[in-house]
Amino acid sequence: MVGFSRENGKIHYSNEVLAKIVGLSTMECYGVVGMVSKNAAEGLWELIRVENLSKGVKIDLTEDDKLNIELFVMVEYGTKISVIANNIIQKVRYNVENYTGLKVASISVNVQAVRV
């Protein structure tokens, strides 16, 4: 659980909710085919369905109550990966900070596959 206090009380967000915000924000970006999850048994990366987007996201809380976000994506062949990653970072940071009021310390985009 991640949360913060205000003068009127406390707000807590589950990791599942934060990961869903991150996943949906990522899916809105041009060039992103989907979020991926590693099948540890076979070492394969597989696309995640929309209802399980949180499996492609890792969220950690820093000591000063900021979020470290790591996501795993598949991109479309022929798109510039650096531009896609930058768009993801900007969109995720904006949406998380606006929707929740939490601050984001860092966002890491891991491109695990390219769809041809």
PDB file of N, CA and C in Angstrom:
ATOM      1  N   MET A   1       0.831  -1.180   0.000  1.00  0.00           N
ATOM      2  CA  MET A   1       0.000   0.000   0.000  1.00  0.00           C
ATOM      3  C   MET A   1       0.879   1.248   0.000  1.00  0.00           C
ATOM      4  N   VAL A   2       0.501   2.189  -0.827  1.00  0.00           N
ATOM      5  CA  VAL A   2       1.188   3.457  -0.919  1.00  0.00           C
ATOM      6  C   VAL A   2       0.184   4.531  -0.534  1.00  0.00           C
ATOM      7  N   GLY A   3       0.629   5.502   0.233  1.00  0.00           N
ATOM      8  CA  GLY A   3      -0.312   6.534   0.618  1.00  0.00           C
ATOM      9  C   GLY A   3       0.379   7.774   1.122  1.00  0.00           C
ATOM     10  N   PHE A   4      -0.444   8.754   1.473  1.00  0.00           N
ATOM     11  CA  PHE A   4       0.069   9.993   2.029  1.00  0.00           C
ATOM     12  C   PHE A   4      -0.991  10.602   2.928  1.00  0.00           C
ATOM     13  N   SER A   5      -0.568  11.540   3.767  1.00  0.00           N
ATOM     14  CA  SER A   5      -1.479  12.191   4.705  1.00  0.00           C
ATOM     15  C   SER A   5      -1.699  13.641   4.302  1.00  0.00           C
ATOM     16  N   ARG A   6      -2.894  14.102   4.522  1.00  0.00           N
ATOM     17  CA  ARG A   6      -3.266  15.500   4.336  1.00  0.00           C
ATOM     18  C   ARG A   6      -3.882  15.974   5.651  1.00  0.00           C
ATOM     19  N   GLU A   7      -4.230  17.236   5.708  1.00  0.00           N
ATOM     20  CA  GLU A   7      -4.830  17.761   6.937  1.00  0.00           C
ATOM     21  C   GLU A   7      -6.182  17.128   7.246  1.00  0.00           C
ATOM     22  N   ASN A   8      -6.887  16.619   6.230  1.00  0.00           N
ATOM     23  CA  ASN A   8      -8.205  16.020   6.428  1.00  0.00           C
ATOM     24  C   ASN A   8      -8.169  14.513   6.656  1.00  0.00           C
ATOM     25  N   GLY A   9      -7.031  13.869   6.454  1.00  0.00           N
ATOM     26  CA  GLY A   9      -6.965  12.430   6.641  1.00  0.00           C
ATOM     27  C   GLY A   9      -5.888  11.787   5.789  1.00  0.00           C
ATOM     28  N   LYS A  10      -5.972  10.468   5.646  1.00  0.00           N
ATOM     29  CA  LYS A  10      -4.979   9.697   4.900  1.00  0.00           C
ATOM     30  C   LYS A  10      -5.612   9.077   3.661  1.00  0.00           C
ATOM     31  N   ILE A  11      -4.801   8.949   2.613  1.00  0.00           N
ATOM     32  CA  ILE A  11      -5.230   8.269   1.392  1.00  0.00           C
ATOM     33  C   ILE A  11      -4.230   7.160   1.113  1.00  0.00           C
ATOM     34  N   HIS A  12      -4.721   5.954   0.856  1.00  0.00           N
ATOM     35  CA  HIS A  12      -3.868   4.814   0.534  1.00  0.00           C
ATOM     36  C   HIS A  12      -4.269   4.248  -0.816  1.00  0.00           C
ATOM     37  N   TYR A  13      -3.263   3.897  -1.634  1.00  0.00           N
ATOM     38  CA  TYR A  13      -3.491   3.263  -2.933  1.00  0.00           C
ATOM     39  C   TYR A  13      -2.857   1.881  -2.912  1.00  0.00           C
ATOM     40  N   SER A  14      -3.568   0.894  -3.392  1.00  0.00           N
ATOM     41  CA  SER A  14      -2.972  -0.432  -3.508  1.00  0.00           C
ATOM     42  C   SER A  14      -2.030  -0.432  -4.710  1.00  0.00           C
ATOM     43  N   ASN A  15      -1.058  -1.313  -4.686  1.00  0.00           N
ATOM     44  CA  ASN A  15      -0.131  -1.439  -5.818  1.00  0.00           C
ATOM     45  C   ASN A  15      -0.871  -1.816  -7.092  1.00  0.00           C
ATOM     46  N   GLU A  16      -1.947  -2.581  -6.951  1.00  0.00           N
ATOM     47  CA  GLU A  16      -2.747  -3.002  -8.102  1.00  0.00           C
ATOM     48  C   GLU A  16      -3.368  -1.797  -8.807  1.00  0.00           C
ATOM     49  N   VAL A  17      -3.879  -0.856  -8.051  1.00  0.00           N
ATOM     50  CA  VAL A  17      -4.494   0.342  -8.632  1.00  0.00           C
ATOM     51  C   VAL A  17      -3.441   1.192  -9.333  1.00  0.00           C
ATOM     52  N   LEU A  18      -2.305   1.404  -8.674  1.00  0.00           N
ATOM     53  CA  LEU A  18      -1.236   2.198  -9.283  1.00  0.00           C
ATOM     54  C   LEU A  18      -0.715   1.525 -10.552  1.00  0.00           C
ATOM     55  N   ALA A  19      -0.546   0.207 -10.506  1.00  0.00           N
ATOM     56  CA  ALA A  19      -0.055  -0.525 -11.670  1.00  0.00           C
ATOM     57  C   ALA A  19      -1.056  -0.468 -12.821  1.00  0.00           C
ATOM     58  N   LYS A  20      -2.346  -0.472 -12.512  1.00  0.00           N
ATOM     59  CA  LYS A  20      -3.375  -0.371 -13.549  1.00  0.00           C
ATOM     60  C   LYS A  20      -3.326   1.010 -14.217  1.00  0.00           C
ATOM     61  N   ILE A  21      -3.128   2.063 -13.437  1.00  0.00           N
ATOM     62  CA  ILE A  21      -2.986   3.415 -13.999  1.00  0.00           C
ATOM     63  C   ILE A  21      -1.774   3.475 -14.920  1.00  0.00           C
ATOM     64  N   VAL A  22      -0.667   2.908 -14.464  1.00  0.00           N
ATOM     65  CA  VAL A  22       0.561   2.894 -15.270  1.00  0.00           C
ATOM     66  C   VAL A  22       0.348   2.092 -16.546  1.00  0.00           C
ATOM     67  N   GLY A  23      -0.253   0.908 -16.434  1.00  0.00           N
ATOM     68  CA  GLY A  23      -0.471   0.050 -17.591  1.00  0.00           C
ATOM     69  C   GLY A  23      -1.382   0.678 -18.627  1.00  0.00           C
ATOM     70  N   LEU A  24      -2.487   1.246 -18.187  1.00  0.00           N
ATOM     71  CA  LEU A  24      -3.417   1.876 -19.127  1.00  0.00           C
ATOM     72  C   LEU A  24      -2.794   3.105 -19.784  1.00  0.00           C
ATOM     73  N   SER A  25      -2.022   3.874 -19.025  1.00  0.00           N
ATOM     74  CA  SER A  25      -1.327   5.036 -19.593  1.00  0.00           C
ATOM     75  C   SER A  25      -0.324   4.604 -20.649  1.00  0.00           C
ATOM     76  N   THR A  26       0.373   3.522 -20.390  1.00  0.00           N
ATOM     77  CA  THR A  26       1.361   3.004 -21.335  1.00  0.00           C
ATOM     78  C   THR A  26       0.691   2.536 -22.618  1.00  0.00           C
ATOM     79  N   MET A  27      -0.436   1.852 -22.490  1.00  0.00           N
ATOM     80  CA  MET A  27      -1.133   1.316 -23.655  1.00  0.00           C
ATOM     81  C   MET A  27      -1.665   2.409 -24.578  1.00  0.00           C
ATOM     82  N   GLU A  28      -1.852   3.628 -24.057  1.00  0.00           N
ATOM     83  CA  GLU A  28      -2.337   4.744 -24.866  1.00  0.00           C
ATOM     84  C   GLU A  28      -1.251   5.325 -25.772  1.00  0.00           C
ATOM     85  N   CYS A  29      -0.003   4.969 -25.553  1.00  0.00           N
ATOM     86  CA  CYS A  29       1.116   5.554 -26.304  1.00  0.00           C
ATOM     87  C   CYS A  29       1.277   4.894 -27.673  1.00  0.00           C
ATOM     88  N   TYR A  30       1.561   5.705 -28.670  1.00  0.00           N
ATOM     89  CA  TYR A  30       1.770   5.222 -30.035  1.00  0.00           C
ATOM     90  C   TYR A  30       2.994   4.310 -30.082  1.00  0.00           C
ATOM     91  N   GLY A  31       2.885   3.203 -30.787  1.00  0.00           N
ATOM     92  CA  GLY A  31       3.996   2.278 -30.974  1.00  0.00           C
ATOM     93  C   GLY A  31       4.051   1.151 -29.969  1.00  0.00           C
ATOM     94  N   VAL A  32       3.261   1.251 -28.899  1.00  0.00           N
ATOM     95  CA  VAL A  32       3.240   0.196 -27.887  1.00  0.00           C
ATOM     96  C   VAL A  32       2.233  -0.867 -28.313  1.00  0.00           C
ATOM     97  N   VAL A  33       2.711  -2.103 -28.457  1.00  0.00           N
ATOM     98  CA  VAL A  33       1.839  -3.229 -28.805  1.00  0.00           C
ATOM     99  C   VAL A  33       1.138  -3.731 -27.554  1.00  0.00           C
ATOM    100  N   GLY A  34       1.862  -3.771 -26.442  1.00  0.00           N
ATOM    101  CA  GLY A  34       1.263  -4.240 -25.197  1.00  0.00           C
ATOM    102  C   GLY A  34       2.286  -4.347 -24.093  1.00  0.00           C
ATOM    103  N   MET A  35       1.788  -4.678 -22.915  1.00  0.00           N
ATOM    104  CA  MET A  35       2.631  -4.952 -21.761  1.00  0.00           C
ATOM    105  C   MET A  35       2.974  -6.437 -21.819  1.00  0.00           C
ATOM    106  N   VAL A  36       4.140  -6.786 -21.301  1.00  0.00           N
ATOM    107  CA  VAL A  36       4.544  -8.185 -21.333  1.00  0.00           C
ATOM    108  C   VAL A  36       4.906  -8.681 -19.936  1.00  0.00           C
ATOM    109  N   SER A  37       4.783  -9.975 -19.774  1.00  0.00           N
ATOM    110  CA  SER A  37       5.137 -10.636 -18.527  1.00  0.00           C
ATOM    111  C   SER A  37       6.016 -11.833 -18.860  1.00  0.00           C
ATOM    112  N   LYS A  38       7.002 -12.048 -18.049  1.00  0.00           N
ATOM    113  CA  LYS A  38       7.909 -13.160 -18.309  1.00  0.00           C
ATOM    114  C   LYS A  38       7.343 -14.457 -17.747  1.00  0.00           C
ATOM    115  N   ASN A  39       7.322 -15.470 -18.590  1.00  0.00           N
ATOM    116  CA  ASN A  39       6.976 -16.815 -18.157  1.00  0.00           C
ATOM    117  C   ASN A  39       8.283 -17.443 -17.682  1.00  0.00           C
ATOM    118  N   ALA A  40       8.488 -17.458 -16.380  1.00  0.00           N
ATOM    119  CA  ALA A  40       9.771 -17.876 -15.812  1.00  0.00           C
ATOM    120  C   ALA A  40      10.154 -19.300 -16.178  1.00  0.00           C
ATOM    121  N   ALA A  41       9.178 -20.167 -16.322  1.00  0.00           N
ATOM    122  CA  ALA A  41       9.471 -21.575 -16.601  1.00  0.00           C
ATOM    123  C   ALA A  41      10.145 -21.747 -17.962  1.00  0.00           C
ATOM    124  N   GLU A  42       9.699 -20.986 -18.957  1.00  0.00           N
ATOM    125  CA  GLU A  42      10.231 -21.158 -20.303  1.00  0.00           C
ATOM    126  C   GLU A  42      11.114 -20.009 -20.753  1.00  0.00           C
ATOM    127  N   GLY A  43      11.179 -18.934 -19.944  1.00  0.00           N
ATOM    128  CA  GLY A  43      11.989 -17.786 -20.321  1.00  0.00           C
ATOM    129  C   GLY A  43      11.420 -16.997 -21.485  1.00  0.00           C
ATOM    130  N   LEU A  44      10.120 -17.133 -21.727  1.00  0.00           N
ATOM    131  CA  LEU A  44       9.466 -16.436 -22.832  1.00  0.00           C
ATOM    132  C   LEU A  44       8.723 -15.222 -22.320  1.00  0.00           C
ATOM    133  N   TRP A  45       8.632 -14.204 -23.185  1.00  0.00           N
ATOM    134  CA  TRP A  45       7.838 -13.021 -22.852  1.00  0.00           C
ATOM    135  C   TRP A  45       6.503 -13.143 -23.556  1.00  0.00           C
ATOM    136  N   GLU A  46       5.422 -12.910 -22.831  1.00  0.00           N
ATOM    137  CA  GLU A  46       4.105 -13.020 -23.430  1.00  0.00           C
ATOM    138  C   GLU A  46       3.293 -11.750 -23.191  1.00  0.00           C
ATOM    139  N   LEU A  47       2.441 -11.422 -24.171  1.00  0.00           N
ATOM    140  CA  LEU A  47       1.569 -10.262 -24.035  1.00  0.00           C
ATOM    141  C   LEU A  47       0.567 -10.484 -22.921  1.00  0.00           C
ATOM    142  N   ILE A  48       0.267  -9.412 -22.211  1.00  0.00           N
ATOM    143  CA  ILE A  48      -0.682  -9.471 -21.106  1.00  0.00           C
ATOM    144  C   ILE A  48      -2.013  -8.904 -21.572  1.00  0.00           C
ATOM    145  N   ARG A  49      -3.090  -9.540 -21.172  1.00  0.00           N
ATOM    146  CA  ARG A  49      -4.421  -9.036 -21.493  1.00  0.00           C
ATOM    147  C   ARG A  49      -4.694  -7.776 -20.674  1.00  0.00           C
ATOM    148  N   VAL A  50      -5.612  -6.960 -21.149  1.00  0.00           N
ATOM    149  CA  VAL A  50      -5.898  -5.664 -20.524  1.00  0.00           C
ATOM    150  C   VAL A  50      -6.242  -5.801 -19.042  1.00  0.00           C
ATOM    151  N   GLU A  51      -6.970  -6.832 -18.663  1.00  0.00           N
ATOM    152  CA  GLU A  51      -7.365  -6.966 -17.263  1.00  0.00           C
ATOM    153  C   GLU A  51      -6.205  -7.340 -16.336  1.00  0.00           C
ATOM    154  N   ASN A  52      -5.052  -7.740 -16.892  1.00  0.00           N
ATOM    155  CA  ASN A  52      -3.887  -8.119 -16.076  1.00  0.00           C
ATOM    156  C   ASN A  52      -2.677  -7.220 -16.314  1.00  0.00           C
ATOM    157  N   LEU A  53      -2.895  -5.986 -16.732  1.00  0.00           N
ATOM    158  CA  LEU A  53      -1.780  -5.099 -17.066  1.00  0.00           C
ATOM    159  C   LEU A  53      -0.790  -4.914 -15.926  1.00  0.00           C
ATOM    160  N   SER A  54      -1.238  -5.055 -14.713  1.00  0.00           N
ATOM    161  CA  SER A  54      -0.360  -4.823 -13.567  1.00  0.00           C
ATOM    162  C   SER A  54       0.787  -5.835 -13.500  1.00  0.00           C
ATOM    163  N   LYS A  55       0.683  -6.958 -14.203  1.00  0.00           N
ATOM    164  CA  LYS A  55       1.768  -7.949 -14.201  1.00  0.00           C
ATOM    165  C   LYS A  55       2.987  -7.466 -14.980  1.00  0.00           C
ATOM    166  N   GLY A  56       2.821  -6.439 -15.804  1.00  0.00           N
ATOM    167  CA  GLY A  56       3.939  -5.881 -16.559  1.00  0.00           C
ATOM    168  C   GLY A  56       4.524  -4.638 -15.918  1.00  0.00           C
ATOM    169  N   VAL A  57       4.161  -4.396 -14.642  1.00  0.00           N
ATOM    170  CA  VAL A  57       4.585  -3.188 -13.939  1.00  0.00           C
ATOM    171  C   VAL A  57       5.126  -3.558 -12.559  1.00  0.00           C
ATOM    172  N   LYS A  58       6.246  -2.937 -12.177  1.00  0.00           N
ATOM    173  CA  LYS A  58       6.776  -3.062 -10.820  1.00  0.00           C
ATOM    174  C   LYS A  58       6.814  -1.670 -10.215  1.00  0.00           C
ATOM    175  N   ILE A  59       6.301  -1.536  -8.996  1.00  0.00           N
ATOM    176  CA  ILE A  59       6.286  -0.243  -8.320  1.00  0.00           C
ATOM    177  C   ILE A  59       6.918  -0.398  -6.947  1.00  0.00           C
ATOM    178  N   ASP A  60       7.891   0.474  -6.655  1.00  0.00           N
ATOM    179  CA  ASP A  60       8.533   0.513  -5.348  1.00  0.00           C
ATOM    180  C   ASP A  60       8.417   1.917  -4.786  1.00  0.00           C
ATOM    181  N   LEU A  61       8.355   2.020  -3.472  1.00  0.00           N
ATOM    182  CA  LEU A  61       8.270   3.305  -2.798  1.00  0.00           C
ATOM    183  C   LEU A  61       9.640   3.665  -2.239  1.00  0.00           C
ATOM    184  N   THR A  62      10.108   4.898  -2.501  1.00  0.00           N
ATOM    185  CA  THR A  62      11.391   5.355  -1.976  1.00  0.00           C
ATOM    186  C   THR A  62      11.212   5.786  -0.520  1.00  0.00           C
ATOM    187  N   GLU A  63      12.318   6.084   0.134  1.00  0.00           N
ATOM    188  CA  GLU A  63      12.272   6.502   1.535  1.00  0.00           C
ATOM    189  C   GLU A  63      11.566   7.841   1.714  1.00  0.00           C
ATOM    190  N   ASP A  64      11.584   8.676   0.670  1.00  0.00           N
ATOM    191  CA  ASP A  64      10.918   9.981   0.767  1.00  0.00           C
ATOM    192  C   ASP A  64       9.532   9.956   0.111  1.00  0.00           C
ATOM    193  N   ASP A  65       8.903   8.787   0.092  1.00  0.00           N
ATOM    194  CA  ASP A  65       7.522   8.593  -0.383  1.00  0.00           C
ATOM    195  C   ASP A  65       7.306   8.973  -1.842  1.00  0.00           C
ATOM    196  N   LYS A  66       8.270   8.667  -2.696  1.00  0.00           N
ATOM    197  CA  LYS A  66       8.109   8.826  -4.139  1.00  0.00           C
ATOM    198  C   LYS A  66       8.112   7.437  -4.764  1.00  0.00           C
ATOM    199  N   LEU A  67       7.582   7.342  -5.972  1.00  0.00           N
ATOM    200  CA  LEU A  67       7.452   6.052  -6.638  1.00  0.00           C
ATOM    201  C   LEU A  67       8.581   5.801  -7.628  1.00  0.00           C
ATOM    202  N   ASN A  68       9.111   4.598  -7.616  1.00  0.00           N
ATOM    203  CA  ASN A  68       9.997   4.102  -8.671  1.00  0.00           C
ATOM    204  C   ASN A  68       9.166   3.113  -9.476  1.00  0.00           C
ATOM    205  N   ILE A  69       9.003   3.397 -10.764  1.00  0.00           N
ATOM    206  CA  ILE A  69       8.152   2.582 -11.618  1.00  0.00           C
ATOM    207  C   ILE A  69       9.005   1.910 -12.683  1.00  0.00           C
ATOM    208  N   GLU A  70       8.801   0.609 -12.846  1.00  0.00           N
ATOM    209  CA  GLU A  70       9.492  -0.150 -13.893  1.00  0.00           C
ATOM    210  C   GLU A  70       8.439  -0.880 -14.707  1.00  0.00           C
ATOM    211  N   LEU A  71       8.482  -0.707 -16.045  1.00  0.00           N
ATOM    212  CA  LEU A  71       7.511  -1.389 -16.884  1.00  0.00           C
ATOM    213  C   LEU A  71       8.168  -2.148 -18.008  1.00  0.00           C
ATOM    214  N   PHE A  72       7.451  -3.174 -18.481  1.00  0.00           N
ATOM    215  CA  PHE A  72       7.954  -4.086 -19.499  1.00  0.00           C
ATOM    216  C   PHE A  72       6.980  -4.062 -20.665  1.00  0.00           C
ATOM    217  N   VAL A  73       7.487  -3.671 -21.850  1.00  0.00           N
ATOM    218  CA  VAL A  73       6.597  -3.472 -22.997  1.00  0.00           C
ATOM    219  C   VAL A  73       7.088  -4.199 -24.244  1.00  0.00           C
ATOM    220  N   MET A  74       6.146  -4.355 -25.183  1.00  0.00           N
ATOM    221  CA  MET A  74       6.452  -4.822 -26.531  1.00  0.00           C
ATOM    222  C   MET A  74       6.111  -3.669 -27.465  1.00  0.00           C
ATOM    223  N   VAL A  75       7.018  -3.369 -28.403  1.00  0.00           N
ATOM    224  CA  VAL A  75       6.792  -2.259 -29.324  1.00  0.00           C
ATOM    225  C   VAL A  75       6.620  -2.767 -30.750  1.00  0.00           C
ATOM    226  N   GLU A  76       6.107  -1.879 -31.590  1.00  0.00           N
ATOM    227  CA  GLU A  76       5.869  -2.185 -32.995  1.00  0.00           C
ATOM    228  C   GLU A  76       7.169  -2.020 -33.776  1.00  0.00           C
ATOM    229  N   TYR A  77       7.446  -2.960 -34.691  1.00  0.00           N
ATOM    230  CA  TYR A  77       8.630  -2.872 -35.548  1.00  0.00           C
ATOM    231  C   TYR A  77       8.533  -1.630 -36.432  1.00  0.00           C
ATOM    232  N   GLY A  78       9.651  -0.937 -36.603  1.00  0.00           N
ATOM    233  CA  GLY A  78       9.695   0.230 -37.469  1.00  0.00           C
ATOM    234  C   GLY A  78       9.466   1.540 -36.744  1.00  0.00           C
ATOM    235  N   THR A  79       9.222   1.483 -35.455  1.00  0.00           N
ATOM    236  CA  THR A  79       9.054   2.710 -34.672  1.00  0.00           C
ATOM    237  C   THR A  79      10.346   2.991 -33.916  1.00  0.00           C
ATOM    238  N   LYS A  80      10.579   4.259 -33.626  1.00  0.00           N
ATOM    239  CA  LYS A  80      11.799   4.662 -32.930  1.00  0.00           C
ATOM    240  C   LYS A  80      11.615   4.427 -31.433  1.00  0.00           C
ATOM    241  N   ILE A  81      12.363   3.484 -30.896  1.00  0.00           N
ATOM    242  CA  ILE A  81      12.185   3.041 -29.520  1.00  0.00           C
ATOM    243  C   ILE A  81      12.437   4.165 -28.526  1.00  0.00           C
ATOM    244  N   SER A  82      13.430   5.007 -28.773  1.00  0.00           N
ATOM    245  CA  SER A  82      13.716   6.098 -27.829  1.00  0.00           C
ATOM    246  C   SER A  82      12.555   7.079 -27.734  1.00  0.00           C
ATOM    247  N   VAL A  83      11.883   7.342 -28.848  1.00  0.00           N
ATOM    248  CA  VAL A  83      10.731   8.243 -28.847  1.00  0.00           C
ATOM    249  C   VAL A  83       9.565   7.610 -28.104  1.00  0.00           C
ATOM    250  N   ILE A  84       9.320   6.318 -28.353  1.00  0.00           N
ATOM    251  CA  ILE A  84       8.246   5.609 -27.659  1.00  0.00           C
ATOM    252  C   ILE A  84       8.487   5.621 -26.152  1.00  0.00           C
ATOM    253  N   ALA A  85       9.706   5.299 -25.732  1.00  0.00           N
ATOM    254  CA  ALA A  85      10.035   5.255 -24.305  1.00  0.00           C
ATOM    255  C   ALA A  85       9.854   6.629 -23.664  1.00  0.00           C
ATOM    256  N   ASN A  86      10.288   7.673 -24.345  1.00  0.00           N
ATOM    257  CA  ASN A  86      10.139   9.029 -23.805  1.00  0.00           C
ATOM    258  C   ASN A  86       8.664   9.396 -23.665  1.00  0.00           C
ATOM    259  N   ASN A  87       7.847   9.037 -24.658  1.00  0.00           N
ATOM    260  CA  ASN A  87       6.406   9.300 -24.580  1.00  0.00           C
ATOM    261  C   ASN A  87       5.765   8.552 -23.415  1.00  0.00           C
ATOM    262  N   ILE A  88       6.174   7.302 -23.219  1.00  0.00           N
ATOM    263  CA  ILE A  88       5.650   6.506 -22.107  1.00  0.00           C
ATOM    264  C   ILE A  88       5.993   7.175 -20.777  1.00  0.00           C
ATOM    265  N   ILE A  89       7.246   7.570 -20.627  1.00  0.00           N
ATOM    266  CA  ILE A  89       7.697   8.194 -19.376  1.00  0.00           C
ATOM    267  C   ILE A  89       6.895   9.458 -19.079  1.00  0.00           C
ATOM    268  N   GLN A  90       6.736  10.313 -20.086  1.00  0.00           N
ATOM    269  CA  GLN A  90       5.993  11.558 -19.871  1.00  0.00           C
ATOM    270  C   GLN A  90       4.529  11.294 -19.520  1.00  0.00           C
ATOM    271  N   LYS A  91       3.890  10.399 -20.252  1.00  0.00           N
ATOM    272  CA  LYS A  91       2.462  10.128 -20.033  1.00  0.00           C
ATOM    273  C   LYS A  91       2.222   9.468 -18.681  1.00  0.00           C
ATOM    274  N   VAL A  92       3.060   8.480 -18.326  1.00  0.00           N
ATOM    275  CA  VAL A  92       2.901   7.781 -17.053  1.00  0.00           C
ATOM    276  C   VAL A  92       3.119   8.749 -15.892  1.00  0.00           C
ATOM    277  N   ARG A  93       4.181   9.544 -15.957  1.00  0.00           N
ATOM    278  CA  ARG A  93       4.463  10.508 -14.888  1.00  0.00           C
ATOM    279  C   ARG A  93       3.278  11.472 -14.713  1.00  0.00           C
ATOM    280  N   TYR A  94       2.801  12.026 -15.824  1.00  0.00           N
ATOM    281  CA  TYR A  94       1.697  12.989 -15.774  1.00  0.00           C
ATOM    282  C   TYR A  94       0.440  12.355 -15.181  1.00  0.00           C
ATOM    283  N   ASN A  95       0.050  11.188 -15.670  1.00  0.00           N
ATOM    284  CA  ASN A  95      -1.178  10.544 -15.202  1.00  0.00           C
ATOM    285  C   ASN A  95      -1.099  10.119 -13.743  1.00  0.00           C
ATOM    286  N   VAL A  96      -0.001   9.510 -13.332  1.00  0.00           N
ATOM    287  CA  VAL A  96       0.123   9.065 -11.941  1.00  0.00           C
ATOM    288  C   VAL A  96       0.088  10.261 -11.001  1.00  0.00           C
ATOM    289  N   GLU A  97       0.848  11.302 -11.313  1.00  0.00           N
ATOM    290  CA  GLU A  97       0.890  12.456 -10.422  1.00  0.00           C
ATOM    291  C   GLU A  97      -0.438  13.206 -10.393  1.00  0.00           C
ATOM    292  N   ASN A  98      -1.127  13.311 -11.533  1.00  0.00           N
ATOM    293  CA  ASN A  98      -2.412  14.013 -11.564  1.00  0.00           C
ATOM    294  C   ASN A  98      -3.534  13.214 -10.936  1.00  0.00           C
ATOM    295  N   TYR A  99      -3.610  11.913 -11.190  1.00  0.00           N
ATOM    296  CA  TYR A  99      -4.705  11.101 -10.674  1.00  0.00           C
ATOM    297  C   TYR A  99      -4.577  10.823  -9.175  1.00  0.00           C
ATOM    298  N   THR A 100      -3.339  10.650  -8.689  1.00  0.00           N
ATOM    299  CA  THR A 100      -3.156  10.202  -7.315  1.00  0.00           C
ATOM    300  C   THR A 100      -2.604  11.258  -6.367  1.00  0.00           C
ATOM    301  N   GLY A 101      -1.873  12.240  -6.877  1.00  0.00           N
ATOM    302  CA  GLY A 101      -1.219  13.205  -6.003  1.00  0.00           C
ATOM    303  C   GLY A 101       0.135  12.724  -5.512  1.00  0.00           C
ATOM    304  N   LEU A 102       0.518  11.486  -5.856  1.00  0.00           N
ATOM    305  CA  LEU A 102       1.829  10.958  -5.479  1.00  0.00           C
ATOM    306  C   LEU A 102       2.886  11.482  -6.441  1.00  0.00           C
ATOM    307  N   LYS A 103       4.126  11.546  -6.002  1.00  0.00           N
ATOM    308  CA  LYS A 103       5.231  11.995  -6.842  1.00  0.00           C
ATOM    309  C   LYS A 103       5.997  10.781  -7.369  1.00  0.00           C
ATOM    310  N   VAL A 104       6.486  10.909  -8.605  1.00  0.00           N
ATOM    311  CA  VAL A 104       7.245   9.843  -9.249  1.00  0.00           C
ATOM    312  C   VAL A 104       8.721  10.214  -9.246  1.00  0.00           C
ATOM    313  N   ALA A 105       9.552   9.349  -8.688  1.00  0.00           N
ATOM    314  CA  ALA A 105      10.991   9.581  -8.650  1.00  0.00           C
ATOM    315  C   ALA A 105      11.646   9.139  -9.950  1.00  0.00           C
ATOM    316  N   SER A 106      11.272   7.946 -10.435  1.00  0.00           N
ATOM    317  CA  SER A 106      11.883   7.434 -11.666  1.00  0.00           C
ATOM    318  C   SER A 106      10.950   6.475 -12.377  1.00  0.00           C
ATOM    319  N   ILE A 107      11.130   6.413 -13.700  1.00  0.00           N
ATOM    320  CA  ILE A 107      10.380   5.473 -14.530  1.00  0.00           C
ATOM    321  C   ILE A 107      11.368   4.779 -15.450  1.00  0.00           C
ATOM    322  N   SER A 108      11.398   3.460 -15.416  1.00  0.00           N
ATOM    323  CA  SER A 108      12.256   2.669 -16.291  1.00  0.00           C
ATOM    324  C   SER A 108      11.385   1.906 -17.272  1.00  0.00           C
ATOM    325  N   VAL A 109      11.669   2.071 -18.564  1.00  0.00           N
ATOM    326  CA  VAL A 109      10.930   1.366 -19.607  1.00  0.00           C
ATOM    327  C   VAL A 109      11.832   0.274 -20.166  1.00  0.00           C
ATOM    328  N   ASN A 110      11.417  -0.974 -20.023  1.00  0.00           N
ATOM    329  CA  ASN A 110      12.164  -2.118 -20.531  1.00  0.00           C
ATOM    330  C   ASN A 110      11.453  -2.650 -21.771  1.00  0.00           C
ATOM    331  N   VAL A 111      12.081  -2.496 -22.921  1.00  0.00           N
ATOM    332  CA  VAL A 111      11.522  -3.025 -24.155  1.00  0.00           C
ATOM    333  C   VAL A 111      11.970  -4.476 -24.260  1.00  0.00           C
ATOM    334  N   GLN A 112      11.012  -5.397 -24.108  1.00  0.00           N
ATOM    335  CA  GLN A 112      11.343  -6.823 -24.044  1.00  0.00           C
ATOM    336  C   GLN A 112      11.153  -7.527 -25.379  1.00  0.00           C
ATOM    337  N   ALA A 113      10.390  -6.917 -26.281  1.00  0.00           N
ATOM    338  CA  ALA A 113      10.123  -7.581 -27.558  1.00  0.00           C
ATOM    339  C   ALA A 113       9.701  -6.557 -28.592  1.00  0.00           C
ATOM    340  N   VAL A 114       9.861  -6.952 -29.854  1.00  0.00           N
ATOM    341  CA  VAL A 114       9.416  -6.136 -30.992  1.00  0.00           C
ATOM    342  C   VAL A 114       8.509  -7.008 -31.834  1.00  0.00           C
ATOM    343  N   ARG A 115       7.312  -6.485 -32.141  1.00  0.00           N
ATOM    344  CA  ARG A 115       6.383  -7.248 -32.977  1.00  0.00           C
ATOM    345  C   ARG A 115       6.641  -6.902 -34.441  1.00  0.00           C
ATOM    346  N   VAL A 116       6.896  -7.914 -35.230  1.00  0.00           N
ATOM    347  CA  VAL A 116       7.183  -7.723 -36.654  1.00  0.00           C
ATOM    348  C   VAL A 116       5.903  -7.814 -37.440  1.00  0.00           C
TER     349      VAL A 116
END
